[in-house]
């Protein structure tokens, strides 16, 4: 007896983006841009981007399933928190 494939012949599922690492990368990038804005004395931009990066990082932390994903999320949260804190210190 021949086993049937879950997918019809010639059809394969589309590649699904790794959402957890995407969220962690987004948090790191947004937090880093916030730190650059803080370095150029734009505190409101640093605060806004830091808060956005923390929200994205926390969402990624809740949705993560492996240790590596959680580690990457914490890196994004750290950079975003630094952006937020430095932004508040410049007010």
Protein backbone atom coordinates (compact mmCIF):
# COMPACT_ATOMS: atom_id res chain seq x y z
CA UNK A 1 0.00 0.00 0.00
CA UNK A 2 1.35 3.35 -0.99
CA UNK A 3 1.40 6.19 1.57
CA UNK A 4 -0.35 9.36 0.58
CA UNK A 5 1.33 12.70 0.91
CA UNK A 6 -0.38 15.44 2.86
CA UNK A 7 0.11 17.72 -0.15
CA UNK A 8 -1.25 17.14 -3.63
CA UNK A 9 1.31 16.05 -6.21
CA UNK A 10 3.61 18.89 -7.16
CA UNK A 11 2.31 21.28 -4.51
CA UNK A 12 4.40 22.25 -1.55
CA UNK A 13 3.55 24.73 1.17
CA UNK A 14 4.88 28.24 0.79
CA UNK A 15 7.91 29.20 2.84
CA UNK A 16 6.75 30.71 6.10
CA UNK A 17 8.87 33.47 7.60
CA UNK A 18 10.30 32.82 11.04
CA UNK A 19 8.16 35.38 12.86
CA UNK A 20 9.94 35.11 16.21
CA UNK A 21 13.38 35.98 14.87
CA UNK A 22 11.80 38.67 12.71
CA UNK A 23 10.28 40.30 15.79
CA UNK A 24 13.59 40.10 17.67
CA UNK A 25 15.45 41.64 14.73
CA UNK A 26 12.86 44.40 14.47
CA UNK A 27 13.23 45.17 18.18
CA UNK A 28 17.02 45.37 17.87
CA UNK A 29 16.88 47.60 14.79
CA UNK A 30 14.24 49.94 16.23
CA UNK A 31 16.13 50.17 19.53
CA UNK A 32 19.42 50.87 17.75
CA UNK A 33 17.83 53.64 15.68
CA UNK A 34 16.44 55.04 18.93
CA UNK A 35 19.93 55.05 20.43
CA UNK A 36 21.25 56.89 17.37
CA UNK A 37 18.50 59.48 17.80
CA UNK A 38 19.44 59.83 21.46
CA UNK A 39 23.06 60.38 20.44
CA UNK A 40 21.91 63.23 18.18
CA UNK A 41 19.88 64.73 21.04
CA UNK A 42 16.39 63.81 19.81
CA UNK A 43 14.89 62.49 23.06
CA UNK A 44 11.26 62.18 21.95
CA UNK A 45 12.25 60.04 18.97
CA UNK A 46 14.41 57.86 21.21
CA UNK A 47 11.56 57.45 23.69
CA UNK A 48 9.03 56.60 20.99
CA UNK A 49 11.29 54.08 19.26
CA UNK A 50 12.39 52.59 22.57
CA UNK A 51 8.78 52.05 23.62
CA UNK A 52 7.90 50.59 20.22
CA UNK A 53 10.91 48.27 20.33
CA UNK A 54 10.01 47.11 23.83
CA UNK A 55 6.43 46.38 22.76
CA UNK A 56 7.65 44.37 19.75
CA UNK A 57 10.25 42.56 21.88
CA UNK A 58 7.73 41.68 24.57
CA UNK A 59 5.30 40.37 21.96
CA UNK A 60 8.07 38.25 20.48
CA UNK A 61 8.96 37.02 23.97
CA UNK A 62 5.37 35.87 24.52
CA UNK A 63 5.24 34.11 21.14
CA UNK A 64 8.68 32.45 21.28
CA UNK A 65 8.94 28.68 21.58
CA UNK A 66 12.66 27.96 21.82
CA UNK A 67 15.51 29.16 23.99
CA UNK A 68 17.29 30.75 21.03
CA UNK A 69 14.25 32.83 20.16
CA UNK A 70 13.90 34.03 23.73
CA UNK A 71 17.61 34.93 23.82
CA UNK A 72 17.25 37.02 20.66
CA UNK A 73 14.13 38.68 22.06
CA UNK A 74 16.01 39.66 25.21
CA UNK A 75 18.75 41.30 23.12
CA UNK A 76 16.07 43.37 21.37
CA UNK A 77 14.45 44.26 24.68
CA UNK A 78 17.80 45.37 26.12
CA UNK A 79 18.63 47.69 23.23
CA UNK A 80 15.09 49.10 23.19
CA UNK A 81 15.14 49.68 26.95
CA UNK A 82 18.45 51.51 26.67
CA UNK A 83 16.95 53.73 23.98
CA UNK A 84 13.94 54.46 26.18
CA UNK A 85 16.04 55.16 29.29
CA UNK A 86 18.56 57.40 27.53
CA UNK A 87 15.71 59.26 25.85
CA UNK A 88 14.06 59.94 29.22
CA UNK A 89 17.37 61.04 30.71
CA UNK A 90 17.74 63.68 27.98
CA UNK A 91 14.40 65.37 28.71
